[in-house]
Amino acid sequence: MQLEAVTGDENVLPLANGDNLRSFKAAALRSAGENTELCARLCRGISQLESLPTPALARNSIVPLCITPRTPTETFFWVEKPLERFRLEAEWPNIRDVPLPVLPRRLKLIYCGTDAREEVLSMGYELFHTLLSLASGEQLSELRSDDLFANLAIFTQRLAREDEGHLLAWNPKSDVALYRLGIQRTAARQIIACEPLIPTTP
């Protein structure tokens, strides 16, 4: 309380990496509807985890997910997910055998696919804090633990698999143009089509 009175920021804490701890605790007690803004920031952090060009990050209503090519290239590839399909909820522990009230220690970032199937990312505070830091523009430390992002990598791969038929591309030689690559199937063959896209605002 004294730090809050001096700094004017309720999230300032005398703990290492503790500046988002209150947000984490508050999110666990809110409904998905009340966590909409926080959910958007976490999704922004996921998009910032890998290098993506500025045009890919231009729309606030879209969550771009980077696709890493198998061979080196200057071209960036990604898929896009509507932000409205994501929600943030508490992951409540099994408290049947616990006589005292228990607060959630983890949060769930949930994506609802086009087939209504849900993909869930379970996150503790460390990943929560890291994603919010990325969303605010901070850079990852070279000493980061890959274990921290193991579940996140599986989560994003499953989301990307939903769009196996198409993806978006950008090349620095044409820094304004975006392209949509997709597979067009006919009775006799499959054709890879590349169509230019006009960037749109949120």
N, C-alpha and C. Protein backbone atom coordinates (compact mmCIF):
# COMPACT_ATOMS: atom_id res chain seq x y z
N MET A 1 0.83 -1.20 0.00
CA MET A 1 0.00 0.00 0.00
C MET A 1 0.86 1.26 0.00
N GLN A 2 2.00 1.24 0.70
CA GLN A 2 2.88 2.40 0.72
C GLN A 2 3.49 2.67 -0.65
N LEU A 3 3.90 1.59 -1.35
CA LEU A 3 4.45 1.76 -2.70
C LEU A 3 3.40 2.32 -3.64
N GLU A 4 2.18 1.86 -3.52
CA GLU A 4 1.11 2.35 -4.37
C GLU A 4 0.87 3.83 -4.13
N ALA A 5 0.93 4.28 -2.86
CA ALA A 5 0.71 5.68 -2.53
C ALA A 5 1.82 6.56 -3.10
N VAL A 6 3.05 6.04 -3.12
CA VAL A 6 4.18 6.82 -3.62
C VAL A 6 4.22 6.86 -5.14
N THR A 7 4.01 5.69 -5.77
CA THR A 7 4.16 5.59 -7.23
C THR A 7 2.88 5.89 -8.00
N GLY A 8 1.74 5.71 -7.34
CA GLY A 8 0.47 5.88 -8.05
C GLY A 8 0.12 4.68 -8.90
N ASP A 9 0.86 3.58 -8.79
CA ASP A 9 0.62 2.37 -9.60
C ASP A 9 0.36 1.21 -8.66
N GLU A 10 -0.84 0.62 -8.74
CA GLU A 10 -1.20 -0.46 -7.83
C GLU A 10 -0.46 -1.77 -8.14
N ASN A 11 0.16 -1.84 -9.32
CA ASN A 11 0.87 -3.05 -9.70
C ASN A 11 2.36 -3.04 -9.35
N VAL A 12 2.83 -1.97 -8.72
CA VAL A 12 4.23 -1.91 -8.33
C VAL A 12 4.42 -2.74 -7.06
N LEU A 13 5.30 -3.74 -7.15
CA LEU A 13 5.56 -4.62 -6.02
C LEU A 13 7.06 -4.78 -5.82
N PRO A 14 7.50 -4.97 -4.60
CA PRO A 14 8.94 -5.15 -4.35
C PRO A 14 9.37 -6.59 -4.59
N LEU A 15 8.92 -7.21 -5.69
CA LEU A 15 9.26 -8.58 -6.02
C LEU A 15 9.84 -8.62 -7.42
N ALA A 16 10.81 -9.49 -7.65
CA ALA A 16 11.35 -9.66 -8.99
C ALA A 16 10.26 -10.21 -9.92
N ASN A 17 10.03 -9.52 -11.03
CA ASN A 17 9.02 -9.91 -12.01
C ASN A 17 7.62 -9.97 -11.40
N GLY A 18 7.38 -9.16 -10.37
CA GLY A 18 6.09 -9.23 -9.70
C GLY A 18 5.11 -8.15 -10.10
N ASP A 19 5.44 -7.37 -11.14
CA ASP A 19 4.61 -6.23 -11.48
C ASP A 19 3.27 -6.61 -12.10
N ASN A 20 3.08 -7.87 -12.50
CA ASN A 20 1.78 -8.30 -13.05
C ASN A 20 1.05 -9.27 -12.12
N LEU A 21 1.55 -9.40 -10.91
CA LEU A 21 0.98 -10.38 -9.99
C LEU A 21 -0.46 -10.05 -9.61
N ARG A 22 -0.73 -8.79 -9.40
CA ARG A 22 -2.10 -8.41 -9.04
C ARG A 22 -3.06 -8.66 -10.19
N SER A 23 -2.59 -8.41 -11.41
CA SER A 23 -3.43 -8.68 -12.58
C SER A 23 -3.74 -10.16 -12.69
N PHE A 24 -2.74 -11.00 -12.39
CA PHE A 24 -2.92 -12.45 -12.43
C PHE A 24 -3.97 -12.89 -11.42
N LYS A 25 -3.85 -12.39 -10.19
CA LYS A 25 -4.80 -12.76 -9.15
C LYS A 25 -6.21 -12.25 -9.46
N ALA A 26 -6.29 -11.02 -9.98
CA ALA A 26 -7.59 -10.46 -10.30
C ALA A 26 -8.27 -11.23 -11.43
N ALA A 27 -7.47 -11.64 -12.44
CA ALA A 27 -8.03 -12.37 -13.58
C ALA A 27 -8.63 -13.70 -13.15
N ALA A 28 -8.04 -14.32 -12.13
CA ALA A 28 -8.53 -15.61 -11.65
C ALA A 28 -9.91 -15.51 -11.02
N LEU A 29 -10.30 -14.32 -10.60
CA LEU A 29 -11.58 -14.13 -9.93
C LEU A 29 -12.62 -13.47 -10.83
N ARG A 30 -12.24 -13.21 -12.08
CA ARG A 30 -13.16 -12.58 -13.02
C ARG A 30 -13.72 -13.59 -14.01
N SER A 31 -14.80 -13.20 -14.66
CA SER A 31 -15.37 -14.02 -15.73
C SER A 31 -14.59 -13.78 -17.02
N ALA A 32 -14.83 -14.61 -18.02
CA ALA A 32 -14.16 -14.44 -19.31
C ALA A 32 -14.49 -13.09 -19.92
N GLY A 33 -15.73 -12.64 -19.75
CA GLY A 33 -16.14 -11.35 -20.29
C GLY A 33 -15.40 -10.19 -19.65
N GLU A 34 -15.10 -10.32 -18.37
CA GLU A 34 -14.39 -9.27 -17.66
C GLU A 34 -12.89 -9.28 -17.97
N ASN A 35 -12.40 -10.38 -18.53
CA ASN A 35 -10.98 -10.51 -18.85
C ASN A 35 -10.67 -10.24 -20.32
N THR A 36 -11.60 -9.62 -21.04
CA THR A 36 -11.44 -9.43 -22.48
C THR A 36 -10.19 -8.63 -22.82
N GLU A 37 -9.98 -7.51 -22.14
CA GLU A 37 -8.82 -6.67 -22.43
C GLU A 37 -7.51 -7.38 -22.09
N LEU A 38 -7.49 -8.06 -20.97
CA LEU A 38 -6.29 -8.79 -20.56
C LEU A 38 -6.01 -9.94 -21.53
N CYS A 39 -7.05 -10.60 -21.99
CA CYS A 39 -6.91 -11.67 -22.97
C CYS A 39 -6.27 -11.14 -24.25
N ALA A 40 -6.69 -9.95 -24.68
CA ALA A 40 -6.12 -9.34 -25.89
C ALA A 40 -4.64 -9.05 -25.70
N ARG A 41 -4.24 -8.61 -24.52
CA ARG A 41 -2.81 -8.33 -24.26
C ARG A 41 -1.98 -9.61 -24.28
N LEU A 42 -2.53 -10.68 -23.74
CA LEU A 42 -1.82 -11.95 -23.76
C LEU A 42 -1.64 -12.47 -25.19
N CYS A 43 -2.69 -12.34 -25.98
CA CYS A 43 -2.61 -12.75 -27.39
C CYS A 43 -1.59 -11.89 -28.13
N ARG A 44 -1.53 -10.63 -27.80
CA ARG A 44 -0.53 -9.75 -28.40
C ARG A 44 0.88 -10.22 -28.04
N GLY A 45 1.05 -10.65 -26.80
CA GLY A 45 2.34 -11.16 -26.38
C GLY A 45 2.74 -12.41 -27.14
N ILE A 46 1.76 -13.29 -27.40
CA ILE A 46 2.04 -14.50 -28.18
C ILE A 46 2.50 -14.13 -29.58
N SER A 47 1.86 -13.14 -30.19
CA SER A 47 2.25 -12.69 -31.53
C SER A 47 3.65 -12.08 -31.53
N GLN A 48 4.03 -11.45 -30.42
CA GLN A 48 5.34 -10.80 -30.33
C GLN A 48 6.45 -11.78 -29.99
N LEU A 49 6.09 -13.02 -29.67
CA LEU A 49 7.10 -14.00 -29.27
C LEU A 49 8.07 -14.31 -30.41
N GLU A 50 7.54 -14.38 -31.63
CA GLU A 50 8.36 -14.61 -32.81
C GLU A 50 8.40 -13.33 -33.64
N SER A 51 9.42 -13.21 -34.47
CA SER A 51 9.58 -12.02 -35.30
C SER A 51 8.53 -11.99 -36.40
N LEU A 52 7.72 -10.95 -36.41
CA LEU A 52 6.72 -10.75 -37.44
C LEU A 52 6.83 -9.32 -37.95
N PRO A 53 6.54 -9.08 -39.23
CA PRO A 53 6.62 -7.71 -39.77
C PRO A 53 5.49 -6.84 -39.23
N THR A 54 5.70 -5.54 -39.28
CA THR A 54 4.72 -4.59 -38.76
C THR A 54 3.33 -4.76 -39.38
N PRO A 55 3.20 -4.99 -40.71
CA PRO A 55 1.85 -5.16 -41.27
C PRO A 55 1.07 -6.32 -40.66
N ALA A 56 1.79 -7.35 -40.21
CA ALA A 56 1.10 -8.50 -39.61
C ALA A 56 0.49 -8.15 -38.26
N LEU A 57 1.04 -7.14 -37.60
CA LEU A 57 0.60 -6.77 -36.25
C LEU A 57 -0.31 -5.54 -36.25
N ALA A 58 -0.74 -5.11 -37.43
CA ALA A 58 -1.42 -3.83 -37.55
C ALA A 58 -2.87 -3.85 -37.09
N ARG A 59 -3.51 -5.02 -37.07
CA ARG A 59 -4.93 -5.08 -36.74
C ARG A 59 -5.14 -5.62 -35.33
N ASN A 60 -5.84 -4.84 -34.53
CA ASN A 60 -6.06 -5.23 -33.14
C ASN A 60 -7.05 -6.38 -32.99
N SER A 61 -7.87 -6.62 -34.00
CA SER A 61 -8.89 -7.66 -33.92
C SER A 61 -8.38 -9.02 -34.40
N ILE A 62 -7.11 -9.08 -34.81
CA ILE A 62 -6.54 -10.30 -35.36
C ILE A 62 -5.31 -10.71 -34.55
N VAL A 63 -5.15 -12.01 -34.34
CA VAL A 63 -3.99 -12.55 -33.65
C VAL A 63 -3.13 -13.30 -34.68
N PRO A 64 -2.01 -12.72 -35.12
CA PRO A 64 -1.14 -13.43 -36.06
C PRO A 64 -0.23 -14.41 -35.35
N LEU A 65 -0.06 -15.60 -35.94
CA LEU A 65 0.80 -16.63 -35.37
C LEU A 65 1.86 -17.00 -36.40
N CYS A 66 3.11 -16.83 -36.04
CA CYS A 66 4.21 -17.02 -36.97
C CYS A 66 4.37 -18.49 -37.36
N ILE A 67 4.64 -18.72 -38.65
CA ILE A 67 4.97 -20.05 -39.16
C ILE A 67 6.45 -20.05 -39.53
N THR A 68 7.23 -20.89 -38.89
CA THR A 68 8.66 -20.94 -39.16
C THR A 68 8.93 -21.85 -40.36
N PRO A 69 9.51 -21.31 -41.45
CA PRO A 69 9.80 -22.15 -42.62
C PRO A 69 10.93 -23.13 -42.33
N ARG A 70 10.95 -24.21 -43.06
CA ARG A 70 11.96 -25.25 -42.83
C ARG A 70 13.31 -24.87 -43.44
N THR A 71 13.30 -23.97 -44.40
CA THR A 71 14.54 -23.51 -45.01
C THR A 71 14.65 -22.00 -44.83
N PRO A 72 15.86 -21.46 -44.71
CA PRO A 72 16.04 -20.02 -44.52
C PRO A 72 15.45 -19.20 -45.66
N THR A 73 14.76 -18.11 -45.34
CA THR A 73 14.16 -17.24 -46.33
C THR A 73 13.93 -15.87 -45.73
N GLU A 74 13.90 -14.84 -46.58
CA GLU A 74 13.61 -13.49 -46.10
C GLU A 74 12.11 -13.27 -45.90
N THR A 75 11.30 -14.14 -46.45
CA THR A 75 9.85 -13.99 -46.39
C THR A 75 9.32 -14.47 -45.04
N PHE A 76 8.38 -13.71 -44.50
CA PHE A 76 7.71 -14.08 -43.25
C PHE A 76 6.38 -14.74 -43.58
N PHE A 77 6.05 -15.80 -42.85
CA PHE A 77 4.78 -16.49 -43.04
C PHE A 77 4.03 -16.54 -41.71
N TRP A 78 2.71 -16.45 -41.78
CA TRP A 78 1.90 -16.55 -40.56
C TRP A 78 0.46 -16.88 -40.91
N VAL A 79 -0.28 -17.29 -39.90
CA VAL A 79 -1.73 -17.47 -40.01
C VAL A 79 -2.39 -16.47 -39.07
N GLU A 80 -3.65 -16.20 -39.31
CA GLU A 80 -4.37 -15.22 -38.51
C GLU A 80 -5.59 -15.84 -37.84
N LYS A 81 -5.80 -15.46 -36.59
CA LYS A 81 -6.95 -15.92 -35.82
C LYS A 81 -7.73 -14.71 -35.30
N PRO A 82 -9.06 -14.77 -35.38
CA PRO A 82 -9.87 -13.67 -34.82
C PRO A 82 -9.71 -13.60 -33.30
N LEU A 83 -9.46 -12.42 -32.79
CA LEU A 83 -9.29 -12.25 -31.35
C LEU A 83 -10.53 -12.68 -30.58
N GLU A 84 -11.69 -12.51 -31.19
CA GLU A 84 -12.95 -12.81 -30.50
C GLU A 84 -13.11 -14.30 -30.17
N ARG A 85 -12.29 -15.14 -30.78
CA ARG A 85 -12.38 -16.58 -30.50
C ARG A 85 -11.55 -16.99 -29.27
N PHE A 86 -10.83 -16.06 -28.70
CA PHE A 86 -10.04 -16.35 -27.51
C PHE A 86 -10.76 -15.86 -26.26
N ARG A 87 -10.56 -16.57 -25.17
CA ARG A 87 -11.07 -16.10 -23.89
C ARG A 87 -10.12 -16.56 -22.78
N LEU A 88 -10.18 -15.87 -21.67
CA LEU A 88 -9.29 -16.14 -20.53
C LEU A 88 -10.12 -16.50 -19.32
N GLU A 89 -9.82 -17.65 -18.71
CA GLU A 89 -10.56 -18.12 -17.55
C GLU A 89 -9.59 -18.66 -16.50
N ALA A 90 -10.08 -18.78 -15.29
CA ALA A 90 -9.29 -19.39 -14.22
C ALA A 90 -9.29 -20.90 -14.38
N GLU A 91 -8.18 -21.51 -14.01
CA GLU A 91 -8.09 -22.97 -13.97
C GLU A 91 -8.21 -23.39 -12.51
N TRP A 92 -9.39 -23.78 -12.13
CA TRP A 92 -9.64 -24.08 -10.73
C TRP A 92 -9.12 -25.46 -10.36
N PRO A 93 -8.45 -25.57 -9.21
CA PRO A 93 -7.96 -26.88 -8.76
C PRO A 93 -9.11 -27.75 -8.27
N ASN A 94 -8.86 -29.02 -8.19
CA ASN A 94 -9.84 -29.94 -7.62
C ASN A 94 -9.84 -29.79 -6.10
N ILE A 95 -10.90 -29.19 -5.58
CA ILE A 95 -10.91 -28.85 -4.15
C ILE A 95 -11.90 -29.71 -3.36
N ARG A 96 -12.27 -30.86 -3.90
CA ARG A 96 -13.22 -31.71 -3.19
C ARG A 96 -12.71 -32.14 -1.81
N ASP A 97 -11.40 -32.40 -1.75
CA ASP A 97 -10.82 -32.90 -0.50
C ASP A 97 -10.11 -31.82 0.30
N VAL A 98 -10.28 -30.55 -0.13
CA VAL A 98 -9.62 -29.45 0.57
C VAL A 98 -10.66 -28.67 1.35
N PRO A 99 -10.56 -28.63 2.67
CA PRO A 99 -11.60 -27.97 3.48
C PRO A 99 -11.57 -26.45 3.40
N LEU A 100 -10.41 -25.86 3.02
CA LEU A 100 -10.29 -24.40 2.99
C LEU A 100 -10.43 -23.87 1.56
N PRO A 101 -10.90 -22.62 1.41
CA PRO A 101 -10.98 -22.03 0.07
C PRO A 101 -9.60 -21.95 -0.59
N VAL A 102 -9.55 -22.22 -1.87
CA VAL A 102 -8.30 -22.21 -2.62
C VAL A 102 -8.44 -21.31 -3.83
N LEU A 103 -7.45 -20.44 -4.04
CA LEU A 103 -7.43 -19.59 -5.23
C LEU A 103 -6.72 -20.30 -6.37
N PRO A 104 -7.15 -20.05 -7.60
CA PRO A 104 -6.48 -20.68 -8.74
C PRO A 104 -5.01 -20.24 -8.84
N ARG A 105 -4.15 -21.16 -9.20
CA ARG A 105 -2.74 -20.87 -9.42
C ARG A 105 -2.40 -20.76 -10.89
N ARG A 106 -3.37 -21.11 -11.74
CA ARG A 106 -3.12 -21.08 -13.17
C ARG A 106 -4.33 -20.47 -13.88
N LEU A 107 -4.08 -19.95 -15.07
CA LEU A 107 -5.13 -19.42 -15.93
C LEU A 107 -5.17 -20.22 -17.22
N LYS A 108 -6.31 -20.20 -17.88
CA LYS A 108 -6.48 -20.91 -19.15
C LYS A 108 -6.78 -19.91 -20.26
N LEU A 109 -5.96 -19.91 -21.30
CA LEU A 109 -6.26 -19.16 -22.51
C LEU A 109 -6.90 -20.16 -23.47
N ILE A 110 -8.13 -19.92 -23.84
CA ILE A 110 -8.92 -20.89 -24.61
C ILE A 110 -9.23 -20.32 -25.99
N TYR A 111 -9.01 -21.14 -27.01
CA TYR A 111 -9.35 -20.77 -28.38
C TYR A 111 -10.45 -21.71 -28.87
N CYS A 112 -11.52 -21.12 -29.41
CA CYS A 112 -12.63 -21.90 -29.96
C CYS A 112 -12.50 -21.93 -31.48
N GLY A 113 -12.27 -23.10 -32.05
CA GLY A 113 -12.06 -23.23 -33.49
C GLY A 113 -13.34 -23.15 -34.29
N THR A 114 -13.20 -23.18 -35.59
CA THR A 114 -14.36 -23.09 -36.48
C THR A 114 -15.27 -24.29 -36.33
N ASP A 115 -14.72 -25.42 -35.88
CA ASP A 115 -15.54 -26.61 -35.67
C ASP A 115 -16.03 -26.73 -34.23
N ALA A 116 -15.90 -25.63 -33.48
CA ALA A 116 -16.34 -25.55 -32.08
C ALA A 116 -15.44 -26.33 -31.13
N ARG A 117 -14.37 -26.94 -31.63
CA ARG A 117 -13.44 -27.62 -30.75
C ARG A 117 -12.55 -26.58 -30.07
N GLU A 118 -12.23 -26.80 -28.81
CA GLU A 118 -11.44 -25.83 -28.05
C GLU A 118 -10.02 -26.32 -27.82
N GLU A 119 -9.08 -25.40 -27.96
CA GLU A 119 -7.68 -25.65 -27.62
C GLU A 119 -7.36 -24.80 -26.39
N VAL A 120 -6.66 -25.38 -25.43
CA VAL A 120 -6.44 -24.73 -24.14
C VAL A 120 -4.95 -24.60 -23.85
N LEU A 121 -4.54 -23.39 -23.48
CA LEU A 121 -3.18 -23.14 -22.99
C LEU A 121 -3.25 -22.88 -21.50
N SER A 122 -2.68 -23.78 -20.71
CA SER A 122 -2.62 -23.61 -19.27
C SER A 122 -1.35 -22.85 -18.92
N MET A 123 -1.49 -21.76 -18.19
CA MET A 123 -0.32 -20.95 -17.88
C MET A 123 -0.26 -20.58 -16.40
N GLY A 124 0.95 -20.67 -15.87
CA GLY A 124 1.22 -20.17 -14.54
C GLY A 124 1.62 -18.71 -14.61
N TYR A 125 2.01 -18.17 -13.46
CA TYR A 125 2.31 -16.74 -13.44
C TYR A 125 3.51 -16.37 -14.30
N GLU A 126 4.53 -17.22 -14.36
CA GLU A 126 5.75 -16.86 -15.09
C GLU A 126 5.46 -16.63 -16.57
N LEU A 127 4.70 -17.53 -17.19
CA LEU A 127 4.36 -17.36 -18.60
C LEU A 127 3.42 -16.17 -18.78
N PHE A 128 2.48 -16.01 -17.87
CA PHE A 128 1.55 -14.87 -17.88
C PHE A 128 2.33 -13.55 -17.88
N HIS A 129 3.28 -13.44 -16.97
CA HIS A 129 4.09 -12.23 -16.86
C HIS A 129 4.93 -12.01 -18.12
N THR A 130 5.51 -13.07 -18.66
CA THR A 130 6.36 -12.95 -19.85
C THR A 130 5.57 -12.47 -21.05
N LEU A 131 4.37 -13.01 -21.25
CA LEU A 131 3.55 -12.60 -22.39
C LEU A 131 3.10 -11.14 -22.28
N LEU A 132 2.76 -10.70 -21.08
CA LEU A 132 2.38 -9.31 -20.90
C LEU A 132 3.58 -8.38 -21.11
N SER A 133 4.76 -8.83 -20.72
CA SER A 133 5.97 -8.04 -20.95
C SER A 133 6.25 -7.91 -22.44
N LEU A 134 6.08 -9.00 -23.18
CA LEU A 134 6.26 -8.96 -24.63
C LEU A 134 5.24 -8.03 -25.28
N ALA A 135 4.01 -8.08 -24.79
CA ALA A 135 2.96 -7.23 -25.35
C ALA A 135 3.26 -5.75 -25.15
N SER A 136 3.98 -5.42 -24.08
CA SER A 136 4.31 -4.02 -23.80
C SER A 136 5.59 -3.58 -24.50
N GLY A 137 6.21 -4.48 -25.27
CA GLY A 137 7.37 -4.09 -26.06
C GLY A 137 8.71 -4.54 -25.51
N GLU A 138 8.73 -5.25 -24.40
CA GLU A 138 10.00 -5.73 -23.85
C GLU A 138 10.57 -6.86 -24.69
N GLN A 139 11.89 -7.03 -24.64
CA GLN A 139 12.57 -8.09 -25.36
C GLN A 139 12.83 -9.27 -24.43
N LEU A 140 12.83 -10.47 -25.00
CA LEU A 140 13.12 -11.65 -24.20
C LEU A 140 14.59 -11.72 -23.84
N SER A 141 14.89 -12.19 -22.66
CA SER A 141 16.26 -12.41 -22.26
C SER A 141 16.83 -13.61 -22.99
N GLU A 142 18.12 -13.56 -23.30
CA GLU A 142 18.78 -14.69 -23.94
C GLU A 142 18.87 -15.89 -23.00
N LEU A 143 18.64 -15.62 -21.72
CA LEU A 143 18.71 -16.68 -20.72
C LEU A 143 17.36 -17.33 -20.46
N ARG A 144 16.41 -17.09 -21.34
CA ARG A 144 15.06 -17.62 -21.15
C ARG A 144 15.08 -19.15 -21.14
N SER A 145 14.15 -19.73 -20.43
CA SER A 145 14.02 -21.18 -20.39
C SER A 145 13.06 -21.63 -21.49
N ASP A 146 13.53 -22.52 -22.36
CA ASP A 146 12.66 -23.03 -23.42
C ASP A 146 11.51 -23.84 -22.85
N ASP A 147 11.70 -24.40 -21.64
CA ASP A 147 10.63 -25.16 -21.00
C ASP A 147 9.41 -24.28 -20.74
N LEU A 148 9.65 -23.00 -20.53
CA LEU A 148 8.56 -22.07 -20.25
C LEU A 148 7.59 -21.99 -21.43
N PHE A 149 8.11 -22.15 -22.64
CA PHE A 149 7.28 -21.99 -23.84
C PHE A 149 6.90 -23.31 -24.50
N ALA A 150 7.21 -24.43 -23.83
CA ALA A 150 6.93 -25.72 -24.44
C ALA A 150 5.44 -25.91 -24.72
N ASN A 151 4.60 -25.67 -23.72
CA ASN A 151 3.15 -25.82 -23.92
C ASN A 151 2.61 -24.78 -24.88
N LEU A 152 3.20 -23.58 -24.86
CA LEU A 152 2.76 -22.53 -25.78
C LEU A 152 3.03 -22.93 -27.22
N ALA A 153 4.18 -23.56 -27.48
CA ALA A 153 4.51 -23.99 -28.84
C ALA A 153 3.51 -25.02 -29.34
N ILE A 154 3.12 -25.95 -28.48
CA ILE A 154 2.13 -26.96 -28.85
C ILE A 154 0.79 -26.30 -29.13
N PHE A 155 0.42 -25.33 -28.30
CA PHE A 155 -0.84 -24.61 -28.44
C PHE A 155 -0.91 -23.89 -29.79
N THR A 156 0.13 -23.13 -30.14
CA THR A 156 0.13 -22.37 -31.39
C THR A 156 0.19 -23.29 -32.60
N GLN A 157 0.91 -24.41 -32.49
CA GLN A 157 0.96 -25.37 -33.60
C GLN A 157 -0.41 -25.95 -33.89
N ARG A 158 -1.16 -26.23 -32.86
CA ARG A 158 -2.51 -26.77 -33.06
C ARG A 158 -3.42 -25.73 -33.70
N LEU A 159 -3.26 -24.48 -33.32
CA LEU A 159 -4.06 -23.43 -33.93
C LEU A 159 -3.69 -23.23 -35.39
N ALA A 160 -2.40 -23.29 -35.68
CA ALA A 160 -1.94 -23.12 -37.06
C ALA A 160 -2.42 -24.26 -37.94
N ARG A 161 -2.54 -25.45 -37.38
CA ARG A 161 -2.96 -26.62 -38.15
C ARG A 161 -4.38 -26.46 -38.68
N GLU A 162 -5.17 -25.63 -38.04
CA GLU A 162 -6.54 -25.39 -38.50
C GLU A 162 -6.55 -24.71 -39.87
N ASP A 163 -5.47 -23.99 -40.19
CA ASP A 163 -5.39 -23.25 -41.45
C ASP A 163 -4.35 -23.86 -42.40
N GLU A 164 -4.31 -25.18 -42.47
CA GLU A 164 -3.31 -25.82 -43.31
C GLU A 164 -3.45 -25.46 -44.78
N GLY A 165 -4.63 -25.04 -45.19
CA GLY A 165 -4.85 -24.75 -46.61
C GLY A 165 -4.38 -23.40 -47.07
N HIS A 166 -4.08 -22.49 -46.13
CA HIS A 166 -3.64 -21.16 -46.56
C HIS A 166 -2.84 -20.48 -45.45
N LEU A 167 -2.05 -19.51 -45.84
CA LEU A 167 -1.32 -18.67 -44.89
C LEU A 167 -0.99 -17.34 -45.54
N LEU A 168 -0.49 -16.41 -44.73
CA LEU A 168 -0.16 -15.08 -45.24
C LEU A 168 1.35 -14.92 -45.31
N ALA A 169 1.80 -14.01 -46.19
CA ALA A 169 3.23 -13.83 -46.41
C ALA A 169 3.56 -12.36 -46.63
N TRP A 170 4.81 -12.01 -46.28
CA TRP A 170 5.32 -10.65 -46.46
C TRP A 170 6.82 -10.74 -46.73
N ASN A 171 7.27 -9.93 -47.70
CA ASN A 171 8.69 -9.90 -48.04
C ASN A 171 9.19 -8.46 -47.97
N PRO A 172 10.36 -8.23 -47.38
CA PRO A 172 10.86 -6.86 -47.23
C PRO A 172 11.10 -6.11 -48.55
N LYS A 173 11.18 -6.82 -49.66
CA LYS A 173 11.36 -6.14 -50.95
C LYS A 173 10.13 -5.33 -51.33
N SER A 174 8.98 -5.72 -50.79
CA SER A 174 7.75 -4.96 -51.00
C SER A 174 7.11 -4.78 -49.63
N ASP A 175 7.56 -3.75 -48.91
CA ASP A 175 7.24 -3.65 -47.49
C ASP A 175 5.80 -3.28 -47.18
N VAL A 176 4.99 -2.97 -48.19
CA VAL A 176 3.59 -2.63 -47.95
C VAL A 176 2.67 -3.80 -48.30
N ALA A 177 3.04 -4.57 -49.30
CA ALA A 177 2.16 -5.62 -49.82
C ALA A 177 2.14 -6.85 -48.92
N LEU A 178 0.94 -7.39 -48.74
CA LEU A 178 0.75 -8.68 -48.09
C LEU A 178 0.20 -9.66 -49.12
N TYR A 179 0.51 -10.93 -48.91
CA TYR A 179 0.04 -11.93 -49.86
C TYR A 179 -0.62 -13.09 -49.12
N ARG A 180 -1.60 -13.66 -49.78
CA ARG A 180 -2.27 -14.83 -49.23
C ARG A 180 -1.93 -16.02 -50.12
N LEU A 181 -1.33 -17.03 -49.50
CA LEU A 181 -0.99 -18.25 -50.22
C LEU A 181 -2.01 -19.32 -49.85
N GLY A 182 -2.55 -19.97 -50.87
CA GLY A 182 -3.55 -21.00 -50.60
C GLY A 182 -3.52 -22.10 -51.64
N ILE A 183 -4.11 -23.21 -51.30
CA ILE A 183 -4.17 -24.35 -52.20
C ILE A 183 -5.54 -24.40 -52.84
N GLN A 184 -5.56 -24.38 -54.16
CA GLN A 184 -6.80 -24.53 -54.92
C GLN A 184 -6.84 -25.93 -55.50
N ARG A 185 -7.85 -26.68 -55.14
CA ARG A 185 -7.96 -28.07 -55.57
C ARG A 185 -8.94 -28.21 -56.73
N THR A 186 -8.54 -28.94 -57.73
CA THR A 186 -9.42 -29.29 -58.84
C THR A 186 -9.50 -30.81 -58.90
N ALA A 187 -10.27 -31.31 -59.82
CA ALA A 187 -10.42 -32.75 -59.94
C ALA A 187 -9.10 -33.42 -60.32
N ALA A 188 -8.24 -32.71 -61.05
CA ALA A 188 -7.03 -33.33 -61.56
C ALA A 188 -5.77 -32.98 -60.78
N ARG A 189 -5.76 -31.80 -60.13
CA ARG A 189 -4.51 -31.38 -59.50
C ARG A 189 -4.76 -30.36 -58.40
N GLN A 190 -3.68 -30.00 -57.72
CA GLN A 190 -3.70 -28.95 -56.71
C GLN A 190 -2.80 -27.81 -57.17
N ILE A 191 -3.27 -26.58 -57.02
CA ILE A 191 -2.52 -25.41 -57.46
C ILE A 191 -2.29 -24.49 -56.26
N ILE A 192 -1.04 -24.03 -56.10
CA ILE A 192 -0.74 -23.05 -55.06
C ILE A 192 -0.94 -21.65 -55.65
N ALA A 193 -1.90 -20.92 -55.09
CA ALA A 193 -2.22 -19.58 -55.59
C ALA A 193 -1.67 -18.53 -54.64
N CYS A 194 -1.17 -17.43 -55.21
CA CYS A 194 -0.65 -16.30 -54.43
C CYS A 194 -1.42 -15.05 -54.82
N GLU A 195 -2.16 -14.50 -53.87
CA GLU A 195 -3.02 -13.34 -54.14
C GLU A 195 -2.59 -12.16 -53.28
N PRO A 196 -2.44 -10.99 -53.85
CA PRO A 196 -2.11 -9.80 -53.04
C PRO A 196 -3.30 -9.37 -52.20
N LEU A 197 -3.03 -8.89 -51.01
CA LEU A 197 -4.07 -8.41 -50.10
C LEU A 197 -3.88 -6.93 -49.86
N ILE A 198 -4.97 -6.23 -49.68
CA ILE A 198 -4.91 -4.81 -49.33
C ILE A 198 -4.98 -4.72 -47.82
N PRO A 199 -3.96 -4.17 -47.15
CA PRO A 199 -4.00 -4.06 -45.68
C PRO A 199 -5.22 -3.30 -45.22
N THR A 200 -5.85 -3.79 -44.16
CA THR A 200 -7.02 -3.13 -43.60
C THR A 200 -6.76 -2.75 -42.16
N THR A 201 -7.51 -1.80 -41.67
CA THR A 201 -7.39 -1.36 -40.27
C THR A 201 -8.38 -2.13 -39.43
N PRO A 202 -8.22 -2.12 -38.10
CA PRO A 202 -9.13 -2.88 -37.24
C PRO A 202 -10.58 -2.51 -37.47
